[in-house]
Protein backbone atom coordinates (compact mmCIF):
# COMPACT_ATOMS: atom_id res chain seq x y z
CA MET A 1 -6.82 9.49 6.37
CA LYS A 2 -6.03 9.67 10.05
CA PHE A 3 -2.44 10.20 11.10
CA ARG A 4 -1.27 7.71 13.68
CA SER A 5 1.99 6.98 15.44
CA PHE A 6 1.44 3.24 15.12
CA ALA A 7 0.19 1.31 12.08
CA ALA A 8 -3.57 1.24 11.51
CA ALA A 9 -3.65 -2.54 11.80
CA SER A 10 -1.31 -5.49 11.86
CA VAL A 11 -1.09 -8.11 9.11
CA ALA A 12 -2.74 -10.51 11.52
CA LEU A 13 -5.72 -8.20 11.91
CA THR A 14 -6.08 -7.77 8.15
CA PHE A 15 -5.94 -11.55 7.69
CA LEU A 16 -8.45 -12.09 10.48
CA ILE A 17 -10.89 -9.77 8.74
CA ALA A 18 -10.31 -11.15 5.25
CA ALA A 19 -10.23 -14.89 6.03
CA PRO A 20 -13.84 -15.42 7.17
CA LEU A 21 -15.17 -13.25 4.35
CA HIS A 22 -13.21 -15.26 1.78
CA ALA A 23 -14.30 -18.56 3.34
CA ALA A 24 -17.95 -17.56 3.33
CA GLU A 25 -17.81 -16.48 -0.31
CA LYS A 26 -16.00 -19.67 -1.30
CA LYS A 27 -18.54 -21.86 0.50
CA LYS A 28 -21.42 -20.05 -1.18
CA THR A 29 -19.84 -20.40 -4.63
CA SER A 30 -19.00 -24.09 -4.13
CA ALA A 31 -22.54 -24.98 -3.06
CA LYS A 32 -24.01 -23.12 -5.98
CA ALA A 33 -21.64 -24.50 -8.61
CA ALA A 34 -21.49 -28.20 -7.67
CA PRO A 35 -23.75 -30.18 -10.11
CA ALA A 36 -25.37 -33.50 -9.25
CA ALA A 37 -23.60 -36.60 -10.65
CA LYS A 38 -24.97 -37.65 -14.05
CA GLY A 39 -27.63 -40.33 -13.69
CA ALA A 40 -27.80 -40.04 -9.90
CA PRO A 41 -31.30 -40.46 -8.47
CA ALA A 42 -32.96 -37.42 -6.99
CA THR A 43 -32.64 -37.51 -3.23
CA THR A 44 -35.63 -37.08 -0.99
CA GLU A 45 -33.56 -37.08 2.18
CA GLN A 46 -34.61 -34.30 4.52
CA LYS A 47 -31.73 -31.91 5.08
CA PRO A 48 -31.21 -30.82 8.66
CA ALA A 49 -32.30 -27.28 9.39
CA PRO A 50 -29.36 -24.90 9.56
CA SER A 51 -28.27 -24.30 13.10
CA LYS A 52 -28.64 -20.80 14.48
CA PRO A 53 -25.41 -18.87 14.84
CA ALA A 54 -24.04 -18.62 18.33
CA GLU A 55 -25.39 -15.59 20.14
CA VAL A 56 -22.91 -12.74 20.07
CA ALA A 57 -22.48 -10.80 23.27
CA GLU A 58 -23.51 -7.17 22.98
CA ILE A 59 -20.68 -4.65 22.89
CA LYS A 60 -21.42 -1.74 25.20
CA ASP A 61 -19.83 1.65 25.67
CA PRO A 62 -17.26 2.49 26.75
CA VAL A 63 -15.29 -0.45 25.35
CA ALA A 64 -12.31 0.63 27.48
CA VAL A 65 -11.13 3.30 29.88
CA VAL A 66 -7.49 4.33 29.53
CA GLU A 67 -6.16 6.35 32.45
CA GLY A 68 -9.57 8.00 32.79
CA THR A 69 -10.19 8.48 29.05
CA GLU A 70 -13.07 6.52 27.55
CA ILE A 71 -12.79 4.69 24.22
CA LYS A 72 -16.17 4.32 22.52
CA LYS A 73 -17.27 1.57 20.15
CA ALA A 74 -17.76 4.21 17.43
CA GLU A 75 -14.02 4.91 17.45
CA LEU A 76 -13.27 1.24 16.83
CA ASP A 77 -15.91 1.12 14.10
CA ASN A 78 -14.37 4.14 12.36
CA THR A 79 -10.89 2.62 12.46
CA LEU A 80 -12.14 -0.77 11.34
CA GLY A 81 -14.13 0.87 8.55
CA GLU A 82 -10.96 2.50 7.21
CA ILE A 83 -9.15 -0.85 7.13
CA LEU A 84 -12.07 -2.60 5.41
CA ALA A 85 -12.42 0.21 2.87
CA GLN A 86 -8.86 -0.51 1.71
CA GLN A 87 -10.07 -4.05 0.88
CA GLY A 88 -13.21 -2.78 -0.84
CA LYS A 89 -15.44 -3.96 2.03
CA SER A 90 -17.51 -2.43 4.81
CA LEU A 91 -18.51 -3.19 8.42
CA SER A 92 -21.59 -5.08 7.23
CA ASP A 93 -19.29 -7.64 5.53
CA VAL A 94 -17.77 -8.78 8.84
CA PRO A 95 -19.53 -11.84 10.34
CA PRO A 96 -20.96 -10.89 13.78
CA GLU A 97 -19.19 -13.79 15.49
CA GLN A 98 -15.83 -12.43 14.28
CA LYS A 99 -16.33 -8.91 15.57
CA PRO A 100 -15.36 -9.42 19.25
CA GLU A 101 -11.95 -10.83 18.35
CA ILE A 102 -11.34 -8.15 15.72
CA TYR A 103 -12.41 -5.41 18.13
CA ARG A 104 -10.06 -6.72 20.80
CA MET A 105 -7.06 -6.71 18.46
CA LEU A 106 -7.96 -3.23 17.27
CA LEU A 107 -8.55 -2.01 20.81
CA ASP A 108 -5.03 -3.02 21.86
CA GLU A 109 -3.62 -0.68 19.24
CA VAL A 110 -5.98 2.19 20.05
CA ILE A 111 -5.04 1.90 23.74
CA VAL A 112 -1.35 2.27 22.91
CA GLN A 113 -2.17 5.27 20.69
CA LYS A 114 -3.98 6.94 23.59
CA LEU A 115 -1.11 6.28 25.97
CA VAL A 116 1.47 7.63 23.53
CA ALA A 117 -0.65 10.71 22.70
CA LYS A 118 -1.01 11.55 26.39
CA ARG A 119 2.74 11.34 27.02
CA ALA A 120 3.58 13.17 23.79
CA ALA A 121 1.22 16.10 24.35
CA GLU A 122 4.03 18.43 25.45
CA MET A 123 6.38 17.62 22.53
CA LYS A 124 7.17 20.70 20.44
CA VAL A 125 6.17 20.62 16.75
CA SER A 126 6.69 23.72 14.62
CA ASP A 127 4.08 25.12 12.25
CA GLU A 128 6.65 24.70 9.46
CA GLU A 129 6.92 20.94 10.14
CA VAL A 130 3.13 20.58 10.07
CA ALA A 131 2.95 22.59 6.82
CA ALA A 132 5.67 20.48 5.17
CA THR A 133 3.93 17.23 6.11
CA PHE A 134 0.57 18.57 4.92
CA ALA A 135 2.17 19.62 1.61
CA LYS A 136 3.42 16.06 1.03
CA PHE A 137 -0.04 14.70 1.74
CA LYS A 138 -1.67 17.30 -0.51
CA ALA A 139 0.67 16.35 -3.38
CA GLN A 140 -1.00 12.91 -3.54
CA PHE A 141 -4.14 14.53 -5.01
CA PRO A 142 -4.46 15.86 -8.58
CA SER A 143 -6.23 19.04 -7.44
CA GLU A 144 -7.31 21.09 -4.43
CA GLU A 145 -10.94 20.16 -5.13
CA GLU A 146 -10.24 16.41 -4.95
CA LEU A 147 -8.31 16.87 -1.71
CA LYS A 148 -11.21 18.76 -0.13
CA ALA A 149 -13.73 16.22 -1.43
CA GLN A 150 -11.80 13.34 0.14
CA ILE A 151 -11.42 15.19 3.44
CA GLU A 152 -15.15 16.01 3.56
CA LYS A 153 -16.02 12.42 2.65
CA GLU A 154 -14.24 11.28 5.80
CA GLY A 155 -15.99 13.90 7.95
CA GLN A 156 -12.92 16.05 8.45
CA THR A 157 -11.81 19.59 7.66
CA ILE A 158 -8.45 20.98 6.57
CA GLU A 159 -8.01 22.27 10.14
CA SER A 160 -8.80 18.91 11.79
CA LEU A 161 -6.48 17.14 9.34
CA GLN A 162 -3.65 19.55 10.18
CA GLN A 163 -4.29 19.02 13.88
CA GLY A 164 -4.11 15.28 13.27
CA ILE A 165 -0.75 15.80 11.57
CA ARG A 166 0.50 17.79 14.57
CA THR A 167 -0.63 15.10 17.01
CA SER A 168 0.98 12.39 14.90
CA LEU A 169 4.27 14.30 14.71
CA GLN A 170 4.23 14.80 18.49
CA ALA A 171 3.76 11.06 18.97
CA GLN A 172 6.49 10.30 16.44
CA HIS A 173 8.97 12.61 18.18
CA TRP A 174 8.11 11.18 21.58
CA VAL A 175 8.57 7.59 20.38
CA ASP A 176 11.89 8.55 18.74
CA GLU A 177 13.06 9.92 22.09
CA GLN A 178 12.15 6.69 23.88
CA ILE A 179 13.92 4.37 21.46
CA LYS A 180 16.95 6.59 20.87
CA GLY A 181 20.20 4.60 21.03
CA LYS A 182 18.45 1.28 20.41
CA LEU A 183 18.77 1.30 16.64
CA GLU A 184 22.53 1.11 16.20
CA VAL A 185 23.65 -1.57 13.72
CA PRO A 186 27.26 -2.72 14.28
CA GLU A 187 29.26 -3.20 11.09
CA LYS A 188 29.83 -6.86 11.91
CA ASP A 189 26.06 -7.42 12.01
CA ALA A 190 25.64 -5.85 8.57
CA GLU A 191 28.46 -7.99 7.15
CA ALA A 192 27.03 -11.15 8.73
CA PHE A 193 23.57 -10.46 7.24
CA PHE A 194 25.15 -9.89 3.82
CA LYS A 195 27.05 -13.20 3.95
CA GLU A 196 24.06 -15.18 5.25
CA ASN A 197 21.64 -13.88 2.59
CA PRO A 198 23.48 -13.95 -0.76
CA GLU A 199 20.24 -14.40 -2.72
CA ARG A 200 19.12 -10.92 -1.61
CA PHE A 201 22.10 -9.25 -3.26
CA LYS A 202 21.83 -10.39 -6.85
CA MET A 203 20.92 -7.69 -9.35
CA PRO A 204 18.83 -9.16 -12.19
CA GLU A 205 19.17 -8.15 -15.82
CA ARG A 206 18.19 -4.54 -16.52
CA VAL A 207 17.47 -2.54 -19.62
CA ARG A 208 17.41 1.18 -20.26
CA ALA A 209 14.56 2.22 -22.49
CA SER A 210 12.82 5.29 -23.80
CA HIS A 211 9.17 5.44 -24.74
CA ILE A 212 6.59 7.66 -26.38
CA LEU A 213 3.16 7.21 -24.81
CA ILE A 214 -0.14 7.72 -26.60
CA ARG A 215 -2.54 7.56 -23.67
CA VAL A 216 -5.81 5.64 -23.98
CA PRO A 217 -8.47 6.62 -21.40
CA GLU A 218 -9.89 3.77 -19.31
CA GLU A 219 -13.40 4.47 -20.56
CA ALA A 220 -12.33 4.80 -24.22
CA LYS A 221 -14.77 3.42 -26.79
CA PRO A 222 -13.51 0.94 -29.44
CA GLU A 223 -13.36 3.58 -32.17
CA GLU A 224 -11.26 5.85 -29.92
CA VAL A 225 -8.86 2.98 -29.20
CA VAL A 226 -8.42 2.44 -32.93
CA GLU A 227 -7.64 6.15 -33.40
CA LYS A 228 -5.05 6.03 -30.61
CA GLN A 229 -3.45 2.97 -32.17
CA LYS A 230 -3.20 4.76 -35.52
CA ALA A 231 -1.66 7.78 -33.79
CA ALA A 232 0.97 5.56 -32.15
CA ALA A 233 1.73 3.89 -35.48
CA ALA A 234 2.20 7.33 -37.08
CA VAL A 235 4.64 8.29 -34.30
CA LEU A 236 6.60 5.07 -34.85
CA ALA A 237 6.74 5.79 -38.59
CA ARG A 238 8.24 9.23 -37.94
CA VAL A 239 11.03 7.71 -35.82
CA LYS A 240 11.68 4.97 -38.36
CA LYS A 241 12.10 7.63 -41.06
CA GLY A 242 14.93 9.18 -39.09
CA GLU A 243 13.45 11.76 -36.72
CA GLU A 244 15.20 11.85 -33.33
CA PHE A 245 13.33 9.73 -30.78
CA GLU A 246 14.01 12.26 -28.00
CA LYS A 247 12.62 15.16 -30.05
CA VAL A 248 9.43 13.30 -30.97
CA ALA A 249 8.97 12.12 -27.36
CA ALA A 250 9.22 15.67 -25.99
CA GLU A 251 6.74 16.87 -28.64
CA ILE A 252 4.17 14.04 -28.68
CA SER A 253 4.33 11.80 -25.59
CA ASP A 254 1.47 11.88 -23.09
CA ASP A 255 3.87 10.85 -20.32
CA PRO A 256 3.95 13.95 -18.02
CA SER A 257 7.72 13.60 -17.55
CA ALA A 258 8.52 13.46 -21.28
CA LYS A 259 9.15 17.19 -21.61
CA GLU A 260 12.04 16.86 -19.16
CA ASN A 261 13.43 13.36 -19.76
CA LYS A 262 12.52 13.14 -23.48
CA GLY A 263 11.07 9.67 -22.89
CA ASP A 264 14.09 8.20 -21.08
CA LEU A 265 13.04 5.80 -18.29
CA ASN A 266 16.61 5.00 -17.18
CA PHE A 267 17.52 1.42 -16.17
CA PHE A 268 14.80 -0.84 -14.77
CA ARG A 269 14.25 -4.47 -13.83
CA LYS A 270 11.57 -6.49 -15.55
CA ASP A 271 9.36 -6.52 -12.46
CA GLN A 272 9.38 -2.71 -12.23
CA MET A 273 7.20 -2.16 -15.30
CA VAL A 274 3.75 -3.34 -16.34
CA PRO A 275 4.07 -6.81 -17.97
CA GLU A 276 3.22 -5.81 -21.55
CA PHE A 277 5.80 -3.02 -21.57
CA ALA A 278 8.48 -5.09 -19.79
CA ASP A 279 8.05 -8.12 -22.05
CA ALA A 280 8.45 -5.98 -25.17
CA ALA A 281 11.43 -3.99 -23.85
CA PHE A 282 13.39 -7.02 -22.67
CA LYS A 283 13.09 -8.66 -26.11
CA LEU A 284 14.86 -5.75 -27.81
CA LYS A 285 18.60 -5.42 -28.30
CA LYS A 286 20.60 -2.35 -27.37
CA GLY A 287 19.76 0.43 -29.85
CA GLU A 288 16.73 -1.44 -31.24
CA LEU A 289 13.33 0.15 -31.84
CA GLY A 290 10.16 -1.86 -31.24
CA ALA A 291 8.57 -3.08 -34.48
CA GLU A 292 5.09 -1.90 -33.44
CA PRO A 293 3.42 0.06 -30.62
CA VAL A 294 2.73 -1.95 -27.45
CA ARG A 295 -0.60 -1.66 -25.62
CA SER A 296 -0.66 -1.49 -21.79
CA GLU A 297 -3.16 -0.22 -19.24
CA PHE A 298 -1.80 3.29 -19.88
CA GLY A 299 -2.14 3.29 -23.66
CA TYR A 300 0.18 2.62 -26.61
CA HIS A 301 3.96 2.78 -26.19
CA VAL A 302 6.59 3.26 -28.87
CA ILE A 303 9.68 1.70 -27.26
CA LYS A 304 13.39 2.02 -27.91
CA VAL A 305 16.02 0.19 -25.82
CA THR A 306 19.16 2.31 -25.40
CA ASP A 307 21.26 0.06 -23.13
CA ARG A 308 21.31 -3.26 -21.28
CA LYS A 309 23.03 -4.62 -18.17
CA PRO A 310 23.46 -8.37 -17.48
CA PRO A 311 22.70 -9.91 -14.06
CA GLU A 312 25.37 -9.23 -11.43
CA ASP A 313 26.20 -9.77 -7.77
CA ILE A 314 26.02 -6.61 -5.65
CA PRO A 315 29.24 -6.07 -3.64
CA LEU A 316 29.08 -5.51 0.12
CA GLU A 317 30.16 -1.87 -0.05
CA GLN A 318 27.33 -1.07 -2.44
CA ALA A 319 24.77 -3.07 -0.48
CA LYS A 320 25.78 -1.91 3.01
CA PRO A 321 23.54 1.20 3.20
CA GLN A 322 20.47 -0.90 2.32
CA VAL A 323 21.50 -3.65 4.76
CA VAL A 324 21.97 -1.17 7.58
CA ALA A 325 18.62 0.50 6.82
CA PHE A 326 16.86 -2.90 6.79
CA LEU A 327 18.40 -3.98 10.12
CA GLU A 328 17.65 -0.58 11.66
CA GLN A 329 14.01 -0.97 10.66
CA GLN A 330 13.90 -4.40 12.30
CA LYS A 331 15.37 -2.92 15.48
CA ARG A 332 12.88 -0.04 15.33
CA GLU A 333 9.90 -2.41 15.08
CA ALA A 334 11.19 -4.52 17.97
CA ALA A 335 11.87 -1.42 20.10
CA MET A 336 8.37 -0.07 19.40
CA GLN A 337 6.79 -3.39 20.36
CA ASP A 338 8.75 -3.38 23.62
CA LEU A 339 7.71 0.24 24.26
CA ALA A 340 4.05 -0.57 23.60
CA LYS A 341 4.19 -3.51 26.04
CA GLU A 342 5.88 -1.38 28.69
CA LEU A 343 3.22 1.33 28.34
CA ARG A 344 0.40 -1.20 28.63
CA ASP A 345 1.94 -2.98 31.62
CA LYS A 346 2.31 0.24 33.60
CA ALA A 347 -0.93 1.98 32.60
CA ASP A 348 -4.31 1.96 34.34
CA VAL A 349 -6.46 0.33 31.66
CA LYS A 350 -9.91 -1.21 32.06
CA ILE A 351 -11.31 -3.23 29.13
CA ASN A 352 -15.05 -3.88 28.90
CA LEU A 353 -15.17 -6.00 25.74
CA PRO A 354 -16.82 -9.42 26.11
């Protein structure tokens, strides 16, 4: 839950962590599952004793000193723990022989963060900007209690989180100042990208559908599932008898947005919905009501398709804003990499990792 100016870890770092864990699990499973060939004699051959793992050099504090500021191993462990938690793993899952390389990759990023934070310390950030950013973060949680529980779980307070937001915004503003003027995308570049990548600008078939959701809790018992299915069937029967779909959706649906949109989900591609719902919706014709409720991970859906659009090519004028945004993002990433390298090259940094 820390706010950083640079990403928490690169794809390479994530792969480096995941690969040895996956390989170890696969090896263990293969050895356990492989049966002896039928009729093969039992072997009495002495297996060689497993070799001891190579000794791993001890990592001592501080792992680095950046312009006089020490970086401790605990800081790397905390950051690495956050990354592993996103994969459902912990520090104990990382093979010891992999840790030095992982720490070094992680340390490179932390060093750049320290250098940016130092140079950004004088950037002005208003209380209103901090409050607006905090409000967006807070909106990700169903309640104030769950927000506080998550913050406490990570050893933080509301105040420390808000200070982290301020520091992150300072870093963001400072970086924006450094790369200003480097993100311009000439029109000819946007047009060239459009012409060279025609497959990116094909809009697949879309349908517009409405639904009435009868939610089924994840932990629902079989008898409760049956009751929910009966409730969905009763809703479908009401619509089939002539009641307005929109009226029933606003009255019955467990979809939180149903009161406002009356069940209308607007146009969507097949890959934008859960498979069970998408498969059912795309089989229906315009104006057709599903013959029976469809079960998905959310519950039972009564579905009605209200419109369809065939596949089409997106014209340049329509695609241009997305093309420009994509190319700007590429330029931003390249400019930030150049900035990070420039900071490292000029800074007084001493690394003590083995």
